Protein backbone atom coordinates (compact mmCIF):
# COMPACT_ATOMS: atom_id res chain seq x y z
CA MET A 1 93.24 137.39 99.32
CA ILE A 2 94.53 134.98 102.06
CA PRO A 3 91.95 133.94 104.86
CA PHE A 4 93.71 134.25 108.34
CA PRO A 5 91.86 131.85 110.59
CA TYR A 6 92.29 132.04 114.42
CA PRO A 7 94.95 131.85 116.07
CA PHE A 8 96.15 134.26 113.43
CA GLY A 9 94.69 137.89 113.31
CA ILE A 10 95.29 141.16 111.78
CA ARG A 11 95.54 142.98 115.05
CA ALA A 12 97.13 142.19 118.39
CA ASN A 13 93.69 141.75 120.16
CA CYS A 14 92.53 139.45 117.15
CA SER A 15 95.26 136.90 117.46
CA VAL A 16 96.27 134.34 120.25
CA ASN A 17 99.57 136.30 120.82
CA LYS A 18 102.18 138.51 119.24
CA TRP A 19 103.69 135.58 117.18
CA TYR A 20 100.32 135.35 115.22
CA VAL A 21 99.73 138.91 114.31
CA ILE A 22 99.59 139.29 110.51
CA ASP A 23 100.59 142.82 109.32
CA CYS A 24 98.40 144.01 106.36
CA ASN A 25 99.79 147.67 105.92
CA SER A 26 100.88 146.92 102.40
CA SER A 27 99.46 144.92 99.51
CA LYS A 28 101.01 141.74 100.93
CA PRO A 29 100.45 140.26 104.34
CA TYR A 30 103.36 139.71 106.71
CA LEU A 31 104.17 138.01 109.97
CA SER A 32 105.43 141.09 112.05
CA ALA A 33 107.03 139.00 114.89
CA LEU A 34 109.17 137.20 112.30
CA ASP A 35 111.10 140.09 110.71
CA ASN A 36 108.09 140.77 108.39
CA MET A 37 108.16 137.51 106.56
CA GLU A 38 105.44 137.52 103.66
CA VAL A 39 102.65 135.08 104.32
CA LEU A 40 101.79 133.03 101.36
CA SER A 41 99.26 130.64 102.86
CA VAL A 42 97.78 129.40 106.15
CA SER A 43 96.57 125.88 106.72
CA LEU A 44 94.84 124.83 109.97
CA GLU A 45 94.17 121.42 108.74
CA GLU A 46 97.92 120.73 107.98
CA GLN A 47 98.87 123.09 110.91
CA THR A 48 101.31 125.01 108.66
CA ILE A 49 101.94 128.60 107.47
CA THR A 50 103.95 129.09 104.30
CA VAL A 51 106.14 132.13 104.15
CA ASN A 52 108.37 133.69 101.57
CA ALA A 53 111.79 133.64 102.99
CA SER A 54 115.31 134.00 101.49
CA VAL A 55 117.62 131.16 101.52
CA ILE A 56 121.27 131.83 102.06
CA SER A 57 123.74 129.17 101.42
CA ARG A 58 127.46 128.92 101.05
CA PHE A 59 128.72 126.61 98.43
CA GLN A 60 132.29 125.43 98.81
CA SER A 61 133.84 123.55 95.92
CA ILE A 62 135.59 120.24 96.97
CA THR A 63 138.07 118.91 94.56
CA SER A 64 138.83 115.17 94.41
CA LYS A 65 142.05 115.48 96.41
CA HIS A 66 140.24 117.21 99.27
CA ARG A 67 137.36 114.79 99.56
CA PRO A 68 137.16 112.90 102.80
CA TRP A 69 136.15 109.73 101.14
């Protein structure tokens, strides 16, 4: 169980605004305003929220004759 201190809340009237609403309709908590990112932790001391987000990257192979240096 993850505690959700204010300004976060599980309902619109329990959070400071829509960006801080935590959706707990499933077994995992989500930030509904941010495309339902899974919430992993909240730290008021560090002023951070940790979410589970996909990382998309594009890797391009650079051969030695195409390197700019």
